[in-house]
N, C-alpha and C. Protein backbone atom coordinates (compact mmCIF):
# COMPACT_ATOMS: atom_id res chain seq x y z
N MET A 1 15.58 1.88 5.94
CA MET A 1 16.61 1.99 4.94
C MET A 1 16.26 3.54 4.63
N GLU A 2 17.13 4.29 4.22
CA GLU A 2 17.16 5.49 3.85
C GLU A 2 16.67 5.57 2.44
N ASP A 3 15.66 6.56 2.21
CA ASP A 3 15.06 6.90 0.91
C ASP A 3 16.12 6.84 -0.19
N ASP A 4 17.00 7.78 -0.03
CA ASP A 4 17.96 8.17 -1.21
C ASP A 4 18.55 6.83 -1.45
N LEU A 5 19.09 5.65 -0.60
CA LEU A 5 19.73 4.58 -0.80
C LEU A 5 18.82 3.70 -1.68
N LEU A 6 17.53 3.77 -1.12
CA LEU A 6 16.72 2.66 -1.86
C LEU A 6 16.39 3.28 -3.45
N GLU A 7 16.18 4.62 -3.57
CA GLU A 7 16.18 5.12 -4.80
C GLU A 7 17.39 4.70 -5.70
N ALA A 8 18.58 4.87 -5.04
CA ALA A 8 19.84 4.69 -5.71
C ALA A 8 19.97 3.08 -6.21
N LEU A 9 19.37 2.33 -5.35
CA LEU A 9 19.44 0.87 -5.77
C LEU A 9 18.35 0.64 -6.81
N GLU A 10 17.10 1.15 -6.80
CA GLU A 10 16.06 1.26 -7.76
C GLU A 10 16.68 1.66 -8.96
N GLU A 11 17.54 2.78 -9.05
CA GLU A 11 18.06 3.24 -10.33
C GLU A 11 19.15 2.28 -10.81
N ALA A 12 19.69 1.47 -10.30
CA ALA A 12 20.68 0.54 -10.58
C ALA A 12 20.05 -0.42 -11.62
N TRP A 13 18.53 -0.47 -11.75
CA TRP A 13 17.73 -1.34 -12.51
C TRP A 13 17.38 -0.64 -13.86
N ASP A 14 17.77 0.65 -13.92
CA ASP A 14 17.22 1.70 -14.91
C ASP A 14 17.93 1.12 -16.36
N VAL A 15 17.26 0.82 -17.37
CA VAL A 15 17.95 0.42 -18.59
C VAL A 15 18.73 1.17 -19.26
N GLU A 16 18.53 2.60 -18.94
CA GLU A 16 19.57 3.54 -19.84
C GLU A 16 20.74 4.00 -18.99
N SER A 17 20.52 4.06 -17.72
CA SER A 17 21.85 4.55 -16.66
C SER A 17 22.41 3.45 -15.56
N GLY A 18 21.25 2.55 -15.10
CA GLY A 18 21.70 1.68 -14.27
C GLY A 18 22.51 0.41 -14.68
N PHE A 19 23.66 -0.11 -13.88
CA PHE A 19 24.36 -1.17 -14.05
C PHE A 19 23.62 -2.38 -14.36
N LEU A 20 22.37 -2.75 -13.44
CA LEU A 20 21.82 -3.98 -13.48
C LEU A 20 21.05 -3.94 -14.80
N GLY A 21 20.34 -2.75 -14.85
CA GLY A 21 19.26 -2.58 -16.33
C GLY A 21 20.26 -2.83 -17.62
N LYS A 22 21.22 -2.10 -17.48
CA LYS A 22 22.19 -2.08 -18.78
C LYS A 22 22.62 -3.77 -18.97
N LEU A 23 23.06 -4.16 -17.99
CA LEU A 23 23.51 -5.62 -18.20
C LEU A 23 22.27 -6.59 -18.51
N ARG A 24 21.10 -6.23 -18.09
CA ARG A 24 19.83 -6.93 -18.39
C ARG A 24 19.72 -6.91 -19.75
N ALA A 25 19.86 -5.53 -20.37
CA ALA A 25 19.69 -5.25 -21.65
C ALA A 25 20.94 -5.98 -22.71
N GLY A 26 21.86 -6.50 -21.94
CA GLY A 26 23.04 -6.86 -22.73
C GLY A 26 24.27 -6.01 -22.97
N ARG A 27 24.36 -4.97 -22.04
CA ARG A 27 25.38 -3.99 -22.25
C ARG A 27 26.23 -4.01 -20.84
N PHE A 28 27.34 -4.30 -21.00
CA PHE A 28 28.33 -4.40 -19.95
C PHE A 28 28.93 -2.91 -19.63
N ASP A 29 28.74 -2.26 -18.47
CA ASP A 29 29.51 -1.03 -18.20
C ASP A 29 30.29 -1.17 -16.88
N PRO A 30 31.42 -1.15 -17.05
CA PRO A 30 32.41 -1.40 -16.07
C PRO A 30 32.22 -0.30 -14.97
N GLU A 31 32.11 0.97 -15.47
CA GLU A 31 32.07 2.23 -14.36
C GLU A 31 30.87 2.24 -13.67
N ALA A 32 29.90 1.73 -14.28
CA ALA A 32 28.37 1.57 -13.54
C ALA A 32 28.60 0.38 -12.63
N GLY A 33 29.43 -0.70 -12.95
CA GLY A 33 29.49 -1.71 -12.02
C GLY A 33 30.15 -1.50 -10.75
N GLU A 34 31.46 -0.71 -11.16
CA GLU A 34 32.00 -0.51 -9.78
C GLU A 34 31.25 0.53 -8.76
N ALA A 35 30.42 1.52 -9.62
CA ALA A 35 29.49 2.34 -8.72
C ALA A 35 28.58 1.57 -7.80
N TYR A 36 27.92 0.49 -8.69
CA TYR A 36 26.97 -0.48 -7.94
C TYR A 36 27.67 -1.11 -6.80
N VAL A 37 28.79 -1.73 -6.98
CA VAL A 37 29.58 -2.07 -5.85
C VAL A 37 29.66 -1.26 -4.67
N ALA A 38 29.96 -0.06 -5.15
CA ALA A 38 30.27 1.16 -3.94
C ALA A 38 28.97 1.31 -3.33
N LEU A 39 27.84 1.34 -4.06
CA LEU A 39 26.45 1.45 -3.63
C LEU A 39 25.94 0.44 -2.63
N LEU A 40 26.23 -0.82 -2.86
CA LEU A 40 26.29 -1.99 -1.91
C LEU A 40 26.58 -1.91 -0.69
N SER A 41 27.92 -1.31 -0.53
CA SER A 41 28.65 -0.98 0.79
C SER A 41 27.82 0.01 1.49
N ARG A 42 26.75 0.83 0.84
CA ARG A 42 26.16 1.58 1.73
C ARG A 42 25.15 1.11 2.47
N ILE A 43 24.65 -0.18 2.18
CA ILE A 43 23.46 -0.71 2.76
C ILE A 43 23.67 -1.08 4.25
N PRO A 44 22.90 -0.78 4.98
CA PRO A 44 22.93 -1.13 6.57
C PRO A 44 22.91 -2.59 6.77
N PRO A 45 23.56 -3.19 7.75
CA PRO A 45 23.41 -4.46 7.91
C PRO A 45 22.24 -4.94 7.92
N ILE A 46 21.87 -6.20 7.15
CA ILE A 46 20.66 -6.76 6.91
C ILE A 46 19.86 -6.98 8.16
N GLY A 47 20.16 -7.39 9.31
CA GLY A 47 19.61 -7.72 10.48
C GLY A 47 18.92 -6.29 11.09
N GLU A 48 19.41 -5.24 10.47
CA GLU A 48 18.75 -3.72 10.91
C GLU A 48 17.49 -3.60 10.13
N THR A 49 17.28 -4.31 8.92
CA THR A 49 16.11 -3.80 8.01
C THR A 49 15.19 -5.11 7.90
N VAL A 50 15.69 -6.44 7.76
CA VAL A 50 14.72 -7.50 7.72
C VAL A 50 15.61 -8.78 8.56
N ASP A 51 14.99 -9.78 8.81
CA ASP A 51 15.55 -10.94 9.33
C ASP A 51 16.52 -11.46 8.36
N SER A 52 17.89 -11.23 9.10
CA SER A 52 19.01 -11.73 7.97
C SER A 52 19.04 -13.25 7.88
N ARG A 53 18.53 -13.98 8.83
CA ARG A 53 18.58 -15.39 8.69
C ARG A 53 17.69 -15.87 7.41
N LEU A 54 16.49 -15.31 7.54
CA LEU A 54 15.61 -15.38 6.32
C LEU A 54 16.26 -15.29 4.98
N VAL A 55 17.08 -14.23 4.77
CA VAL A 55 17.79 -13.75 3.57
C VAL A 55 18.82 -14.84 3.23
N GLN A 56 19.52 -15.26 4.32
CA GLN A 56 20.52 -16.13 4.45
C GLN A 56 20.02 -17.67 3.76
N LEU A 57 18.76 -17.99 4.36
CA LEU A 57 18.33 -18.96 3.92
C LEU A 57 17.73 -19.27 2.43
N ILE A 58 17.33 -18.08 1.73
CA ILE A 58 16.82 -18.34 0.62
C ILE A 58 17.32 -17.50 -0.61
N TRP A 59 18.20 -16.52 -0.33
CA TRP A 59 18.96 -15.97 -1.50
C TRP A 59 19.81 -16.83 -2.40
N PHE A 60 20.32 -17.42 -1.76
CA PHE A 60 21.50 -18.39 -2.53
C PHE A 60 20.98 -19.66 -3.13
N ALA A 61 19.62 -20.16 -2.86
CA ALA A 61 19.09 -21.45 -3.21
C ALA A 61 19.17 -21.62 -4.96
N PRO A 62 18.73 -20.45 -5.62
CA PRO A 62 18.72 -20.60 -7.12
C PRO A 62 20.09 -20.96 -7.48
N THR A 63 21.04 -20.26 -7.23
CA THR A 63 22.39 -20.13 -7.44
C THR A 63 22.88 -21.48 -7.29
N LEU A 64 22.85 -22.00 -5.96
CA LEU A 64 23.33 -23.46 -5.36
C LEU A 64 22.78 -24.40 -6.48
N ILE A 65 21.46 -24.30 -6.66
CA ILE A 65 20.88 -25.33 -7.59
C ILE A 65 21.53 -25.55 -9.03
N GLU A 66 21.73 -24.14 -9.59
CA GLU A 66 22.35 -23.98 -10.75
C GLU A 66 23.63 -24.64 -10.89
N TRP A 67 24.42 -24.15 -9.80
CA TRP A 67 25.79 -24.51 -9.78
C TRP A 67 26.11 -26.14 -9.68
N GLN A 68 24.93 -26.65 -9.17
CA GLN A 68 25.30 -28.10 -8.63
C GLN A 68 24.87 -29.23 -9.58
N THR A 69 23.86 -28.57 -10.65
CA THR A 69 23.36 -29.42 -11.33
C THR A 69 24.13 -30.39 -12.16
N GLU A 70 24.99 -29.94 -12.75
CA GLU A 70 26.22 -30.92 -13.28
C GLU A 70 26.61 -32.08 -12.52
N ARG A 71 26.88 -31.65 -11.28
CA ARG A 71 27.51 -32.52 -10.18
C ARG A 71 26.44 -33.61 -9.54
N ALA A 72 25.30 -32.98 -9.57
CA ALA A 72 24.43 -33.81 -8.67
C ALA A 72 23.48 -34.60 -9.76
N ALA A 73 23.17 -34.20 -10.72
CA ALA A 73 22.14 -34.91 -11.55
C ALA A 73 22.94 -35.99 -12.36
N LYS A 74 22.38 -37.10 -12.20
CA LYS A 74 23.09 -38.40 -12.86
C LYS A 74 22.65 -38.61 -14.31
N ASN A 75 21.60 -38.19 -14.91
CA ASN A 75 21.66 -38.30 -16.37
C ASN A 75 20.65 -37.19 -16.74
N GLU A 76 20.24 -37.16 -18.00
CA GLU A 76 19.57 -35.89 -18.58
C GLU A 76 18.03 -35.76 -18.19
N LYS A 77 17.41 -36.95 -17.56
CA LYS A 77 16.29 -36.78 -17.17
C LYS A 77 16.18 -36.06 -15.59
N GLU A 78 17.24 -36.39 -14.93
CA GLU A 78 17.47 -35.58 -13.74
C GLU A 78 17.94 -34.08 -13.98
N VAL A 79 18.63 -34.05 -14.82
CA VAL A 79 18.99 -32.46 -15.30
C VAL A 79 17.66 -31.81 -15.53
N GLU A 80 16.99 -32.31 -16.34
CA GLU A 80 15.46 -31.79 -16.68
C GLU A 80 14.76 -31.66 -15.19
N LYS A 81 14.83 -32.47 -14.53
CA LYS A 81 13.90 -32.30 -13.27
C LYS A 81 14.43 -31.22 -12.42
N LEU A 82 15.79 -31.36 -12.22
CA LEU A 82 16.32 -30.53 -11.43
C LEU A 82 16.21 -28.92 -11.96
N GLY A 83 16.42 -28.85 -13.27
CA GLY A 83 16.06 -27.51 -13.94
C GLY A 83 14.67 -26.98 -13.70
N HIS A 84 13.71 -27.96 -13.85
CA HIS A 84 12.38 -27.54 -13.63
C HIS A 84 12.20 -27.24 -11.93
N ILE A 85 12.88 -27.67 -11.08
CA ILE A 85 12.89 -27.45 -9.71
C ILE A 85 13.57 -25.94 -9.50
N TRP A 86 14.80 -25.79 -10.22
CA TRP A 86 15.43 -24.42 -10.47
C TRP A 86 14.41 -23.46 -10.57
N ASP A 87 13.65 -23.31 -11.55
CA ASP A 87 12.80 -22.57 -12.27
C ASP A 87 11.62 -22.23 -11.19
N GLN A 88 11.10 -23.41 -10.45
CA GLN A 88 10.10 -23.25 -9.71
C GLN A 88 10.61 -22.43 -8.38
N VAL A 89 11.77 -22.78 -7.83
CA VAL A 89 12.34 -22.20 -6.70
C VAL A 89 12.43 -20.36 -7.06
N ARG A 90 13.20 -20.27 -8.39
CA ARG A 90 13.39 -18.82 -8.66
C ARG A 90 12.07 -18.13 -8.79
N GLU A 91 10.91 -18.82 -9.31
CA GLU A 91 9.80 -18.30 -9.46
C GLU A 91 8.95 -18.08 -8.01
N ALA A 92 9.20 -19.01 -7.08
CA ALA A 92 8.80 -18.47 -5.64
C ALA A 92 9.43 -17.47 -5.12
N LEU A 93 10.57 -17.27 -5.19
CA LEU A 93 11.46 -16.19 -4.89
C LEU A 93 10.83 -15.01 -5.36
N ILE A 94 10.60 -14.86 -6.63
CA ILE A 94 10.09 -13.73 -7.32
C ILE A 94 8.77 -13.48 -6.92
N ALA A 95 8.05 -14.55 -6.60
CA ALA A 95 6.53 -14.18 -6.01
C ALA A 95 6.55 -13.50 -4.80
N LEU A 96 7.72 -14.09 -3.94
CA LEU A 96 7.80 -13.60 -2.53
C LEU A 96 8.40 -12.14 -2.71
N LEU A 97 9.55 -11.96 -3.44
CA LEU A 97 10.23 -10.61 -3.23
C LEU A 97 10.00 -9.61 -4.29
N GLY A 98 9.23 -10.23 -5.50
CA GLY A 98 9.10 -9.33 -6.66
C GLY A 98 10.19 -9.01 -7.30
N LEU A 99 10.08 -8.56 -8.58
CA LEU A 99 11.11 -8.01 -9.32
C LEU A 99 11.32 -6.43 -9.25
N PRO A 100 12.89 -6.27 -9.48
CA PRO A 100 12.93 -4.85 -9.65
C PRO A 100 12.37 -4.01 -10.80
């Protein structure tokens, strides 16, 4: 991946100027959001930089667990257990990929 693209992706996490950094700090900047979407379109196909199948299999897992909790858990105990599993999955991915 190009160094300038990687640098721009890192800057998106900057608390003062980056879309994701501002959002993490509780500030929504629509223009920075549009710029971030445009930045994402510059990323080369994942298969050219990493194994795309690996990314497909792991990146969506925490979101799926979160979205399906209400539908799949039958009672509060299961909601709590699934929440614990969600947290463990998220932490495992953080350990694997790191945080920006």
